[in-house]
């Protein structure tokens, strides 16, 4: 039986506790329970290359979570332990909805999933980091998705109004829905978990599956 490294397993455990606490919408709960049930079986772990981008200079500030929720502090601490192994990447395909500073002011990293620290196709767990005042482009993908947000910032689904989940905020993106996010005067940091139950007709990752959400 494949076994995870201790650091990655501890991250998965704390991520489940945090998602279980904050992902309360019915569709979010169904998706999260299915994702973490699948993660009870480990995939093939691969060595992390630990590549960072300049925007990662904002990471310490983004992870300075001001909250009394211990579950969020624990998942951040466990994330910090595996972060040096992650391959941070830019999204290479985007449209005019992105802000002019987007290219050098964002990064995504896959933790578990295609190209992640644990290679698998059924579920994907990763993170997005935005520098202050950056607008992530409109995008969509076949897998459903649940966010867990650890900083202030705004999100949008379809043509709806922008909303701010707040620290510990969680929400569900149905399959194929167009969605976007933008940071305010501080960096934005968010986890995303995708349930890839069927082959994706369009991927959330562009020319490589590790390009970003």
N, C-alpha and C. Protein backbone atom coordinates (compact mmCIF):
# COMPACT_ATOMS: atom_id res chain seq x y z
N UNK A 1 0.84 -1.20 0.00
CA UNK A 1 0.00 0.00 0.00
C UNK A 1 0.88 1.25 0.00
N UNK A 2 0.54 2.22 -0.87
CA UNK A 2 1.27 3.48 -0.92
C UNK A 2 1.01 4.30 0.33
N UNK A 3 2.07 4.86 0.87
CA UNK A 3 1.95 5.70 2.06
C UNK A 3 2.47 7.09 1.75
N UNK A 4 1.80 8.09 2.31
CA UNK A 4 2.24 9.46 2.14
C UNK A 4 3.39 9.78 3.10
N UNK A 5 4.17 10.79 2.72
CA UNK A 5 5.11 11.33 3.67
C UNK A 5 4.34 11.94 4.84
N UNK A 6 4.97 12.01 5.98
CA UNK A 6 4.28 12.53 7.16
C UNK A 6 3.82 13.96 6.95
N UNK A 7 4.67 14.79 6.33
CA UNK A 7 4.31 16.20 6.15
C UNK A 7 3.09 16.36 5.26
N UNK A 8 3.02 15.59 4.17
CA UNK A 8 1.87 15.71 3.28
C UNK A 8 0.61 15.16 3.93
N UNK A 9 0.74 14.06 4.66
CA UNK A 9 -0.43 13.50 5.34
C UNK A 9 -0.97 14.45 6.39
N UNK A 10 -0.09 15.10 7.13
CA UNK A 10 -0.55 16.06 8.13
C UNK A 10 -1.25 17.24 7.48
N UNK A 11 -0.75 17.65 6.31
CA UNK A 11 -1.44 18.72 5.60
C UNK A 11 -2.84 18.28 5.17
N UNK A 12 -2.95 17.08 4.60
CA UNK A 12 -4.27 16.58 4.19
C UNK A 12 -5.22 16.52 5.38
N UNK A 13 -4.73 16.05 6.51
CA UNK A 13 -5.58 15.93 7.70
C UNK A 13 -6.08 17.30 8.16
N UNK A 14 -5.19 18.28 8.21
CA UNK A 14 -5.60 19.61 8.69
C UNK A 14 -6.46 20.33 7.65
N UNK A 15 -6.21 20.06 6.37
CA UNK A 15 -7.05 20.65 5.34
C UNK A 15 -8.48 20.13 5.44
N UNK A 16 -8.62 18.84 5.72
CA UNK A 16 -9.96 18.30 5.88
C UNK A 16 -10.68 18.94 7.07
N UNK A 17 -10.00 19.10 8.19
CA UNK A 17 -10.62 19.70 9.37
C UNK A 17 -11.09 21.11 9.04
N UNK A 18 -10.26 21.90 8.36
CA UNK A 18 -10.63 23.27 8.02
C UNK A 18 -11.79 23.30 7.04
N UNK A 19 -11.70 22.51 5.97
CA UNK A 19 -12.80 22.46 5.01
C UNK A 19 -14.09 21.97 5.67
N UNK A 20 -13.98 20.97 6.54
CA UNK A 20 -15.16 20.42 7.19
C UNK A 20 -15.83 21.46 8.08
N UNK A 21 -15.04 22.35 8.64
CA UNK A 21 -15.60 23.39 9.51
C UNK A 21 -16.27 24.49 8.71
N UNK A 22 -15.68 24.89 7.59
CA UNK A 22 -16.13 26.10 6.91
C UNK A 22 -16.94 25.85 5.64
N UNK A 23 -16.83 24.69 5.03
CA UNK A 23 -17.59 24.40 3.82
C UNK A 23 -18.95 23.84 4.22
N UNK A 24 -19.92 24.71 4.43
CA UNK A 24 -21.20 24.32 5.01
C UNK A 24 -22.34 24.20 4.00
N UNK A 25 -22.20 24.79 2.82
CA UNK A 25 -23.26 24.66 1.81
C UNK A 25 -23.41 23.19 1.42
N UNK A 26 -24.63 22.73 1.16
CA UNK A 26 -24.83 21.30 0.87
C UNK A 26 -23.95 20.76 -0.25
N UNK A 27 -23.84 21.48 -1.36
CA UNK A 27 -23.02 20.99 -2.47
C UNK A 27 -21.54 20.98 -2.09
N UNK A 28 -21.11 21.98 -1.33
CA UNK A 28 -19.72 22.01 -0.86
C UNK A 28 -19.43 20.81 0.02
N UNK A 29 -20.34 20.51 0.93
CA UNK A 29 -20.11 19.40 1.86
C UNK A 29 -20.07 18.07 1.12
N UNK A 30 -20.97 17.89 0.17
CA UNK A 30 -20.95 16.65 -0.60
C UNK A 30 -19.62 16.49 -1.34
N UNK A 31 -19.20 17.56 -1.99
CA UNK A 31 -17.96 17.50 -2.77
C UNK A 31 -16.75 17.26 -1.88
N UNK A 32 -16.67 17.99 -0.78
CA UNK A 32 -15.53 17.86 0.12
C UNK A 32 -15.46 16.47 0.74
N UNK A 33 -16.58 15.94 1.14
CA UNK A 33 -16.57 14.60 1.72
C UNK A 33 -16.12 13.56 0.70
N UNK A 34 -16.53 13.72 -0.56
CA UNK A 34 -16.09 12.80 -1.59
C UNK A 34 -14.60 12.95 -1.86
N UNK A 35 -14.12 14.19 -1.88
CA UNK A 35 -12.70 14.43 -2.14
C UNK A 35 -11.83 13.82 -1.06
N UNK A 36 -12.18 14.09 0.18
CA UNK A 36 -11.31 13.61 1.26
C UNK A 36 -11.50 12.12 1.53
N UNK A 37 -12.63 11.58 1.14
CA UNK A 37 -12.77 10.12 1.19
C UNK A 37 -11.82 9.48 0.18
N UNK A 38 -11.75 10.06 -1.02
CA UNK A 38 -10.80 9.55 -2.02
C UNK A 38 -9.36 9.69 -1.54
N UNK A 39 -9.07 10.76 -0.81
CA UNK A 39 -7.71 11.00 -0.34
C UNK A 39 -7.30 10.09 0.81
N UNK A 40 -8.24 9.29 1.32
CA UNK A 40 -7.85 8.30 2.31
C UNK A 40 -6.92 7.25 1.71
N UNK A 41 -6.97 7.12 0.39
CA UNK A 41 -6.02 6.26 -0.32
C UNK A 41 -4.98 7.14 -0.99
N UNK A 42 -3.73 6.95 -0.64
CA UNK A 42 -2.66 7.80 -1.16
C UNK A 42 -2.36 7.46 -2.61
N UNK A 43 -1.96 8.46 -3.37
CA UNK A 43 -1.49 8.26 -4.73
C UNK A 43 0.03 8.16 -4.75
N UNK A 44 0.57 8.30 -5.94
CA UNK A 44 2.02 8.22 -6.12
C UNK A 44 2.66 9.55 -5.75
N UNK A 45 3.47 9.57 -4.72
CA UNK A 45 4.13 10.80 -4.31
C UNK A 45 5.37 11.00 -5.17
N UNK A 46 5.60 12.25 -5.55
CA UNK A 46 6.75 12.57 -6.40
C UNK A 46 7.59 13.64 -5.72
N UNK A 47 8.88 13.66 -6.00
CA UNK A 47 9.74 14.66 -5.35
C UNK A 47 9.38 16.07 -5.81
N UNK A 48 9.25 16.98 -4.87
CA UNK A 48 8.94 18.35 -5.21
C UNK A 48 10.20 19.10 -5.61
N UNK A 49 10.09 19.94 -6.64
CA UNK A 49 11.25 20.68 -7.13
C UNK A 49 11.45 22.01 -6.42
N UNK A 50 10.40 22.48 -5.78
CA UNK A 50 10.54 23.70 -4.99
C UNK A 50 10.89 24.92 -5.80
N UNK A 51 10.10 25.23 -6.84
CA UNK A 51 10.35 26.42 -7.66
C UNK A 51 9.38 27.52 -7.27
N UNK A 52 9.92 28.70 -7.01
CA UNK A 52 9.13 29.86 -6.64
C UNK A 52 9.15 30.91 -7.74
N UNK A 53 8.15 31.79 -7.71
CA UNK A 53 8.09 32.95 -8.60
C UNK A 53 8.22 34.22 -7.76
N UNK A 54 8.56 35.35 -8.37
CA UNK A 54 8.74 36.58 -7.59
C UNK A 54 7.53 36.95 -6.73
N UNK A 55 6.31 36.66 -7.21
CA UNK A 55 5.12 37.01 -6.43
C UNK A 55 5.10 36.29 -5.08
N UNK A 56 5.85 35.20 -4.97
CA UNK A 56 5.88 34.46 -3.70
C UNK A 56 6.51 35.27 -2.57
N UNK A 57 7.11 36.40 -2.90
CA UNK A 57 7.59 37.30 -1.84
C UNK A 57 6.44 37.79 -0.97
N UNK A 58 5.21 37.71 -1.51
CA UNK A 58 4.02 38.12 -0.75
C UNK A 58 3.47 37.00 0.13
N UNK A 59 4.07 35.82 0.06
CA UNK A 59 3.46 34.66 0.70
C UNK A 59 3.41 34.81 2.22
N UNK A 60 4.49 35.26 2.84
CA UNK A 60 4.50 35.39 4.30
C UNK A 60 3.39 36.33 4.77
N UNK A 61 3.20 37.42 4.07
CA UNK A 61 2.14 38.36 4.45
C UNK A 61 0.77 37.72 4.24
N UNK A 62 0.63 36.99 3.15
CA UNK A 62 -0.66 36.35 2.86
C UNK A 62 -1.01 35.29 3.89
N UNK A 63 0.01 34.63 4.43
CA UNK A 63 -0.23 33.55 5.38
C UNK A 63 -0.28 34.02 6.83
N UNK A 64 -0.14 35.31 7.05
CA UNK A 64 -0.25 35.85 8.40
C UNK A 64 -1.73 36.02 8.74
N UNK A 65 -2.39 34.89 8.92
CA UNK A 65 -3.84 34.86 9.07
C UNK A 65 -4.24 35.43 10.43
N UNK A 66 -5.08 36.47 10.41
CA UNK A 66 -5.56 37.08 11.65
C UNK A 66 -6.93 36.50 11.97
N UNK A 67 -6.93 35.46 12.75
CA UNK A 67 -8.17 34.78 13.10
C UNK A 67 -8.00 34.02 14.40
N UNK A 68 -9.09 33.80 15.09
CA UNK A 68 -9.06 33.00 16.31
C UNK A 68 -9.37 31.53 16.02
N UNK A 69 -9.57 31.21 14.74
CA UNK A 69 -9.91 29.84 14.37
C UNK A 69 -8.64 28.98 14.31
N UNK A 70 -8.50 28.08 15.25
CA UNK A 70 -7.30 27.25 15.31
C UNK A 70 -7.15 26.36 14.08
N UNK A 71 -8.25 25.94 13.50
CA UNK A 71 -8.15 25.07 12.32
C UNK A 71 -7.45 25.77 11.16
N UNK A 72 -7.65 27.07 11.03
CA UNK A 72 -6.99 27.81 9.96
C UNK A 72 -5.50 27.98 10.24
N UNK A 73 -5.16 28.25 11.49
CA UNK A 73 -3.74 28.35 11.83
C UNK A 73 -3.04 27.02 11.60
N UNK A 74 -3.70 25.93 11.93
CA UNK A 74 -3.07 24.62 11.77
C UNK A 74 -2.84 24.28 10.30
N UNK A 75 -3.83 24.56 9.44
CA UNK A 75 -3.64 24.23 8.03
C UNK A 75 -2.58 25.12 7.41
N UNK A 76 -2.49 26.36 7.85
CA UNK A 76 -1.41 27.24 7.36
C UNK A 76 -0.05 26.71 7.80
N UNK A 77 0.06 26.30 9.05
CA UNK A 77 1.34 25.76 9.54
C UNK A 77 1.76 24.52 8.76
N UNK A 78 0.81 23.64 8.49
CA UNK A 78 1.14 22.42 7.73
C UNK A 78 1.45 22.75 6.28
N UNK A 79 0.77 23.76 5.73
CA UNK A 79 1.09 24.18 4.37
C UNK A 79 2.52 24.73 4.30
N UNK A 80 2.91 25.50 5.29
CA UNK A 80 4.27 26.06 5.30
C UNK A 80 5.33 24.96 5.27
N UNK A 81 5.02 23.82 5.85
CA UNK A 81 5.99 22.73 5.89
C UNK A 81 6.20 22.09 4.52
N UNK A 82 5.16 22.06 3.69
CA UNK A 82 5.31 21.45 2.37
C UNK A 82 5.57 22.49 1.28
N UNK A 83 5.34 23.76 1.56
CA UNK A 83 5.47 24.80 0.53
C UNK A 83 6.84 24.82 -0.14
N UNK A 84 7.95 24.60 0.57
CA UNK A 84 9.25 24.61 -0.12
C UNK A 84 9.39 23.56 -1.21
N UNK A 85 8.52 22.56 -1.24
CA UNK A 85 8.57 21.52 -2.26
C UNK A 85 7.70 21.83 -3.47
N UNK A 86 6.84 22.83 -3.38
CA UNK A 86 5.85 23.08 -4.43
C UNK A 86 6.47 23.76 -5.64
N UNK A 87 5.84 23.52 -6.78
CA UNK A 87 6.23 24.18 -8.03
C UNK A 87 5.20 25.27 -8.34
N UNK A 88 5.56 26.50 -8.07
CA UNK A 88 4.67 27.62 -8.33
C UNK A 88 4.74 27.96 -9.81
N UNK A 89 3.58 28.15 -10.42
CA UNK A 89 3.51 28.40 -11.86
C UNK A 89 2.54 29.53 -12.17
N UNK A 90 2.77 30.15 -13.33
CA UNK A 90 1.85 31.15 -13.86
C UNK A 90 0.82 30.48 -14.76
N UNK A 91 -0.34 31.08 -14.82
CA UNK A 91 -1.33 30.68 -15.82
C UNK A 91 -0.92 31.32 -17.14
N UNK A 92 -0.88 30.53 -18.19
CA UNK A 92 -0.38 31.06 -19.46
C UNK A 92 -1.49 31.50 -20.41
N UNK A 93 -2.72 31.04 -20.21
CA UNK A 93 -3.81 31.47 -21.10
C UNK A 93 -4.82 32.28 -20.30
N UNK A 94 -5.09 33.46 -20.77
CA UNK A 94 -6.05 34.35 -20.09
C UNK A 94 -6.53 35.39 -21.08
N UNK A 95 -7.63 36.03 -20.75
CA UNK A 95 -8.22 37.00 -21.66
C UNK A 95 -8.10 38.41 -21.10
N UNK A 96 -8.80 39.33 -21.74
CA UNK A 96 -8.70 40.73 -21.35
C UNK A 96 -9.36 41.07 -20.04
N UNK A 97 -10.01 40.09 -19.39
CA UNK A 97 -10.61 40.37 -18.08
C UNK A 97 -9.56 40.47 -16.98
N UNK A 98 -8.35 39.98 -17.24
CA UNK A 98 -7.28 40.06 -16.24
C UNK A 98 -6.75 41.49 -16.15
N UNK A 99 -6.25 41.84 -14.98
CA UNK A 99 -5.64 43.16 -14.82
C UNK A 99 -4.30 43.20 -15.54
N UNK A 100 -3.83 44.41 -15.84
CA UNK A 100 -2.60 44.57 -16.60
C UNK A 100 -1.39 44.00 -15.88
N UNK A 101 -1.45 43.94 -14.55
CA UNK A 101 -0.32 43.44 -13.77
C UNK A 101 -0.41 41.95 -13.47
N UNK A 102 -1.35 41.25 -14.11
CA UNK A 102 -1.64 39.86 -13.76
C UNK A 102 -0.44 38.93 -13.91
N UNK A 103 0.27 39.01 -15.01
CA UNK A 103 1.27 37.99 -15.35
C UNK A 103 2.30 37.81 -14.24
N UNK A 104 2.86 38.88 -13.76
CA UNK A 104 3.92 38.78 -12.76
C UNK A 104 3.40 38.87 -11.33
N UNK A 105 2.09 38.92 -11.15
CA UNK A 105 1.53 39.16 -9.83
C UNK A 105 0.61 38.05 -9.36
N UNK A 106 0.77 36.85 -9.93
CA UNK A 106 -0.03 35.72 -9.49
C UNK A 106 0.81 34.45 -9.57
N UNK A 107 0.38 33.42 -8.85
CA UNK A 107 1.00 32.10 -8.94
C UNK A 107 0.01 31.06 -8.43
N UNK A 108 0.09 29.88 -9.00
CA UNK A 108 -0.71 28.73 -8.57
C UNK A 108 0.23 27.57 -8.28
N UNK A 109 -0.17 26.72 -7.37
CA UNK A 109 0.61 25.52 -7.09
C UNK A 109 -0.32 24.35 -6.84
N UNK A 110 -0.02 23.23 -7.48
CA UNK A 110 -0.77 22.00 -7.25
C UNK A 110 -0.11 21.23 -6.12
N UNK A 111 -0.89 20.89 -5.11
CA UNK A 111 -0.39 20.08 -3.99
C UNK A 111 -0.65 18.60 -4.27
N UNK A 112 -1.90 18.27 -4.56
CA UNK A 112 -2.29 16.91 -4.92
C UNK A 112 -3.08 16.99 -6.22
N UNK A 113 -2.68 16.19 -7.20
CA UNK A 113 -3.33 16.22 -8.48
C UNK A 113 -2.29 16.13 -9.59
N UNK A 114 -2.67 16.40 -10.82
CA UNK A 114 -1.73 16.30 -11.93
C UNK A 114 -0.54 17.24 -11.75
N UNK A 115 0.66 16.67 -11.67
CA UNK A 115 1.85 17.47 -11.49
C UNK A 115 2.10 17.93 -10.08
N UNK A 116 1.30 17.46 -9.11
CA UNK A 116 1.47 17.89 -7.73
C UNK A 116 2.45 17.01 -6.98
N UNK A 117 2.53 17.23 -5.68
CA UNK A 117 3.40 16.40 -4.85
C UNK A 117 2.90 14.96 -4.82
N UNK A 118 1.60 14.80 -4.99
CA UNK A 118 1.00 13.46 -5.14
C UNK A 118 0.28 13.43 -6.47
N UNK A 119 0.76 12.58 -7.36
CA UNK A 119 0.22 12.52 -8.72
C UNK A 119 -1.06 11.69 -8.74
N UNK A 120 -2.16 12.33 -9.17
CA UNK A 120 -3.42 11.62 -9.32
C UNK A 120 -4.36 12.47 -10.17
N UNK A 121 -5.41 11.84 -10.69
CA UNK A 121 -6.33 12.51 -11.60
C UNK A 121 -7.73 12.68 -11.03
N UNK A 122 -8.07 11.96 -9.98
CA UNK A 122 -9.45 11.98 -9.51
C UNK A 122 -9.79 13.21 -8.69
N UNK A 123 -8.86 13.68 -7.89
CA UNK A 123 -9.08 14.89 -7.09
C UNK A 123 -7.84 15.78 -7.18
N UNK A 124 -8.08 17.08 -7.12
CA UNK A 124 -7.00 18.06 -7.21
C UNK A 124 -7.12 19.02 -6.03
N UNK A 125 -6.02 19.28 -5.38
CA UNK A 125 -5.98 20.20 -4.25
C UNK A 125 -4.81 21.14 -4.45
N UNK A 126 -5.08 22.44 -4.50
CA UNK A 126 -4.01 23.39 -4.77
C UNK A 126 -4.28 24.75 -4.16
N UNK A 127 -3.44 25.73 -4.52
CA UNK A 127 -3.52 27.06 -3.93
C UNK A 127 -3.29 28.12 -5.01
N UNK A 128 -3.84 29.29 -4.77
CA UNK A 128 -3.60 30.47 -5.60
C UNK A 128 -3.14 31.61 -4.71
N UNK A 129 -2.15 32.35 -5.20
CA UNK A 129 -1.64 33.54 -4.52
C UNK A 129 -1.71 34.70 -5.49
N UNK A 130 -2.28 35.81 -5.05
CA UNK A 130 -2.29 37.05 -5.82
C UNK A 130 -1.60 38.15 -5.02
N UNK A 131 -0.78 38.93 -5.68
CA UNK A 131 -0.25 40.16 -5.06
C UNK A 131 -1.40 41.13 -4.86
N UNK A 132 -1.19 42.21 -4.11
CA UNK A 132 -2.28 43.19 -3.93
C UNK A 132 -2.75 43.79 -5.25
N UNK A 133 -4.04 44.04 -5.31
CA UNK A 133 -4.67 44.75 -6.43
C UNK A 133 -4.43 44.06 -7.77
N UNK A 134 -4.77 42.78 -7.81
CA UNK A 134 -4.64 41.97 -9.03
C UNK A 134 -5.99 41.34 -9.34
N UNK A 135 -6.36 41.35 -10.59
CA UNK A 135 -7.62 40.75 -11.04
C UNK A 135 -7.30 39.48 -11.83
N UNK A 136 -7.70 38.32 -11.29
CA UNK A 136 -7.52 37.04 -11.97
C UNK A 136 -8.55 36.95 -13.09
N UNK A 137 -8.20 36.39 -14.24
CA UNK A 137 -9.13 36.40 -15.38
C UNK A 137 -10.34 35.50 -15.17
N UNK A 138 -11.40 35.80 -15.89
CA UNK A 138 -12.55 34.89 -15.96
C UNK A 138 -12.08 33.55 -16.54
N UNK A 139 -12.54 32.47 -15.94
CA UNK A 139 -12.18 31.14 -16.43
C UNK A 139 -13.25 30.15 -16.00
N UNK A 140 -13.26 28.99 -16.62
CA UNK A 140 -14.21 27.94 -16.25
C UNK A 140 -13.56 26.59 -16.50
N UNK A 141 -14.13 25.55 -15.91
CA UNK A 141 -13.61 24.20 -16.07
C UNK A 141 -14.68 23.19 -15.73
N UNK A 142 -14.48 21.97 -16.23
CA UNK A 142 -15.49 20.93 -16.04
C UNK A 142 -15.63 20.46 -14.60
N UNK A 143 -14.52 20.24 -13.85
CA UNK A 143 -14.69 19.76 -12.48
C UNK A 143 -15.35 20.80 -11.57
N UNK A 144 -16.19 20.35 -10.67
CA UNK A 144 -16.71 21.23 -9.63
C UNK A 144 -15.58 21.55 -8.66
N UNK A 145 -15.78 22.60 -7.87
CA UNK A 145 -14.66 23.14 -7.09
C UNK A 145 -15.19 23.76 -5.79
N UNK A 146 -14.41 23.61 -4.73
CA UNK A 146 -14.74 24.25 -3.46
C UNK A 146 -13.52 25.05 -3.00
N UNK A 147 -13.74 26.32 -2.74
CA UNK A 147 -12.69 27.21 -2.26
C UNK A 147 -12.69 27.28 -0.74
N UNK A 148 -11.51 27.51 -0.18
CA UNK A 148 -11.35 27.89 1.22
C UNK A 148 -10.40 29.08 1.22
N UNK A 149 -10.91 30.23 1.60
CA UNK A 149 -10.18 31.49 1.46
C UNK A 149 -9.54 31.88 2.79
N UNK A 150 -8.27 32.26 2.73
CA UNK A 150 -7.54 32.58 3.96
C UNK A 150 -7.11 34.04 4.04
N UNK A 151 -7.71 34.89 3.23
CA UNK A 151 -7.37 36.31 3.27
C UNK A 151 -8.56 37.09 2.74
N UNK A 152 -8.50 38.39 2.88
CA UNK A 152 -9.54 39.22 2.28
C UNK A 152 -9.36 39.23 0.77
N UNK A 153 -10.42 39.39 0.07
CA UNK A 153 -10.42 39.41 -1.39
C UNK A 153 -11.83 39.23 -1.89
N UNK A 154 -12.03 39.39 -3.18
CA UNK A 154 -13.37 39.29 -3.75
C UNK A 154 -13.41 38.26 -4.87
N UNK A 155 -14.57 37.63 -5.02
CA UNK A 155 -14.79 36.57 -5.99
C UNK A 155 -16.09 36.83 -6.74
N UNK A 156 -16.21 36.21 -7.90
CA UNK A 156 -17.43 36.35 -8.68
C UNK A 156 -17.74 35.04 -9.39
N UNK A 157 -19.03 34.73 -9.50
CA UNK A 157 -19.49 33.56 -10.22
C UNK A 157 -20.45 34.01 -11.32
N UNK A 158 -20.20 33.56 -12.54
CA UNK A 158 -21.04 33.95 -13.66
C UNK A 158 -21.05 35.46 -13.83
N UNK A 159 -22.22 36.01 -14.03
CA UNK A 159 -22.36 37.46 -14.17
C UNK A 159 -22.84 38.11 -12.88
N UNK A 160 -22.72 37.36 -11.77
CA UNK A 160 -23.18 37.88 -10.49
C UNK A 160 -22.27 38.97 -9.95
N UNK A 161 -22.70 39.52 -8.82
CA UNK A 161 -21.93 40.58 -8.18
C UNK A 161 -20.69 39.99 -7.49
N UNK A 162 -19.68 40.80 -7.34
CA UNK A 162 -18.50 40.40 -6.58
C UNK A 162 -18.90 40.23 -5.11
N UNK A 163 -18.32 39.22 -4.45
CA UNK A 163 -18.59 38.99 -3.04
C UNK A 163 -17.29 38.69 -2.32
N UNK A 164 -17.29 38.95 -1.03
CA UNK A 164 -16.10 38.76 -0.21
C UNK A 164 -16.34 37.66 0.81
N UNK A 165 -15.77 36.47 0.64
CA UNK A 165 -16.00 35.38 1.60
C UNK A 165 -15.40 35.67 2.97
N UNK A 166 -14.32 36.48 3.03
CA UNK A 166 -13.64 36.74 4.29
C UNK A 166 -12.71 35.59 4.65
N UNK A 167 -11.94 35.77 5.71
CA UNK A 167 -11.00 34.75 6.16
C UNK A 167 -11.78 33.55 6.69
N UNK A 168 -11.50 32.38 6.12
CA UNK A 168 -12.26 31.19 6.46
C UNK A 168 -13.50 31.01 5.61
N UNK A 169 -13.74 31.92 4.70
CA UNK A 169 -14.90 31.79 3.82
C UNK A 169 -14.73 30.64 2.85
N UNK A 170 -15.82 29.97 2.53
CA UNK A 170 -15.78 28.85 1.61
C UNK A 170 -17.00 28.93 0.70
N UNK A 171 -16.83 28.52 -0.57
CA UNK A 171 -17.96 28.52 -1.49
C UNK A 171 -17.73 27.48 -2.58
N UNK A 172 -18.81 27.16 -3.26
CA UNK A 172 -18.84 26.07 -4.25
C UNK A 172 -18.98 26.65 -5.64
N UNK A 173 -18.14 26.17 -6.57
CA UNK A 173 -18.28 26.50 -7.99
C UNK A 173 -18.83 25.28 -8.73
N UNK A 174 -20.04 25.36 -9.28
CA UNK A 174 -20.56 24.24 -10.07
C UNK A 174 -19.70 24.01 -11.31
N UNK A 175 -19.78 22.83 -11.90
CA UNK A 175 -19.05 22.57 -13.14
C UNK A 175 -19.40 23.60 -14.22
N UNK A 176 -18.37 24.04 -14.93
CA UNK A 176 -18.49 24.91 -16.11
C UNK A 176 -18.85 26.36 -15.80
N UNK A 177 -19.04 26.73 -14.54
CA UNK A 177 -19.41 28.11 -14.26
C UNK A 177 -18.19 29.02 -14.45
N UNK A 178 -18.41 30.16 -15.09
CA UNK A 178 -17.35 31.14 -15.21
C UNK A 178 -17.14 31.80 -13.85
N UNK A 179 -15.90 31.96 -13.44
CA UNK A 179 -15.64 32.56 -12.14
C UNK A 179 -14.31 33.31 -12.18
N UNK A 180 -14.12 34.18 -11.21
CA UNK A 180 -12.93 35.03 -11.16
C UNK A 180 -12.71 35.48 -9.73
N UNK A 181 -11.56 36.11 -9.49
CA UNK A 181 -11.23 36.64 -8.16
C UNK A 181 -10.33 37.85 -8.33
N UNK A 182 -10.30 38.70 -7.33
CA UNK A 182 -9.30 39.77 -7.33
C UNK A 182 -8.93 40.13 -5.90
N UNK A 183 -7.69 40.48 -5.75
CA UNK A 183 -7.18 40.90 -4.44
C UNK A 183 -7.46 42.38 -4.23
N UNK A 184 -7.44 42.76 -2.97
CA UNK A 184 -7.65 44.16 -2.60
C UNK A 184 -6.28 44.76 -2.28
N UNK A 185 -6.15 45.46 -1.18
CA UNK A 185 -4.87 46.11 -0.85
C UNK A 185 -3.90 45.18 -0.14
N UNK A 186 -4.27 43.93 0.01
CA UNK A 186 -3.39 42.93 0.62
C UNK A 186 -3.35 41.71 -0.30
N UNK A 187 -2.37 40.84 -0.16
CA UNK A 187 -2.33 39.64 -1.00
C UNK A 187 -3.53 38.74 -0.73
N UNK A 188 -3.92 38.01 -1.75
CA UNK A 188 -5.01 37.04 -1.63
C UNK A 188 -4.41 35.64 -1.66
N UNK A 189 -4.87 34.78 -0.75
CA UNK A 189 -4.42 33.39 -0.70
C UNK A 189 -5.64 32.51 -0.50
N UNK A 190 -5.77 31.48 -1.32
CA UNK A 190 -6.93 30.60 -1.23
C UNK A 190 -6.55 29.18 -1.63
N UNK A 191 -7.14 28.21 -0.93
CA UNK A 191 -7.07 26.81 -1.33
C UNK A 191 -8.25 26.51 -2.24
N UNK A 192 -8.05 25.59 -3.19
CA UNK A 192 -9.15 25.10 -4.00
C UNK A 192 -9.05 23.58 -4.11
N UNK A 193 -10.21 22.94 -4.08
CA UNK A 193 -10.29 21.49 -4.16
C UNK A 193 -11.28 21.15 -5.27
N UNK A 194 -10.86 20.31 -6.21
CA UNK A 194 -11.69 19.96 -7.36
C UNK A 194 -11.95 18.47 -7.38
N UNK A 195 -13.19 18.13 -7.67
CA UNK A 195 -13.60 16.74 -7.80
C UNK A 195 -13.70 16.44 -9.30
N UNK A 196 -12.70 15.76 -9.83
CA UNK A 196 -12.64 15.48 -11.26
C UNK A 196 -13.28 14.12 -11.52
N UNK A 197 -14.60 14.08 -11.50
CA UNK A 197 -15.34 12.81 -11.65
C UNK A 197 -15.43 12.36 -13.09
N UNK A 198 -15.24 13.28 -14.02
CA UNK A 198 -15.38 12.93 -15.43
C UNK A 198 -14.29 13.64 -16.20
N UNK A 199 -13.91 13.17 -17.37
CA UNK A 199 -12.86 13.83 -18.15
C UNK A 199 -13.23 15.29 -18.41
N UNK A 200 -12.28 16.17 -18.19
CA UNK A 200 -12.54 17.59 -18.36
C UNK A 200 -12.55 17.95 -19.85
N UNK A 201 -13.61 18.66 -20.28
CA UNK A 201 -13.66 19.17 -21.65
C UNK A 201 -12.83 20.44 -21.77
N UNK A 202 -12.82 21.21 -20.70
CA UNK A 202 -11.88 22.33 -20.60
C UNK A 202 -11.24 22.24 -19.24
N UNK A 203 -9.94 22.48 -19.17
CA UNK A 203 -9.23 22.32 -17.92
C UNK A 203 -9.05 23.65 -17.21
N UNK A 204 -8.95 23.62 -15.87
CA UNK A 204 -8.63 24.83 -15.15
C UNK A 204 -7.16 25.15 -15.29
N UNK A 205 -6.38 24.26 -15.88
CA UNK A 205 -4.96 24.45 -16.05
C UNK A 205 -4.69 24.48 -17.54
N UNK A 206 -3.88 25.40 -17.95
CA UNK A 206 -3.76 25.67 -19.38
C UNK A 206 -2.88 24.68 -20.09
N UNK A 207 -1.69 25.09 -20.56
CA UNK A 207 -0.90 24.17 -21.37
C UNK A 207 -0.28 23.04 -20.56
N UNK A 208 -0.18 23.21 -19.24
CA UNK A 208 0.21 22.13 -18.36
C UNK A 208 -0.79 22.09 -17.23
N UNK A 209 -1.09 20.91 -16.70
CA UNK A 209 -2.10 20.82 -15.66
C UNK A 209 -1.68 21.51 -14.40
N UNK A 210 -0.40 21.80 -14.23
CA UNK A 210 0.07 22.49 -13.04
C UNK A 210 0.14 23.99 -13.24
N UNK A 211 -0.40 24.51 -14.34
CA UNK A 211 -0.29 25.94 -14.60
C UNK A 211 -1.09 26.77 -13.61
N UNK A 212 -2.21 26.28 -13.12
CA UNK A 212 -2.93 27.07 -12.14
C UNK A 212 -4.41 26.93 -12.28
N UNK A 213 -5.10 27.47 -11.30
CA UNK A 213 -6.55 27.33 -11.25
C UNK A 213 -7.21 28.29 -12.23
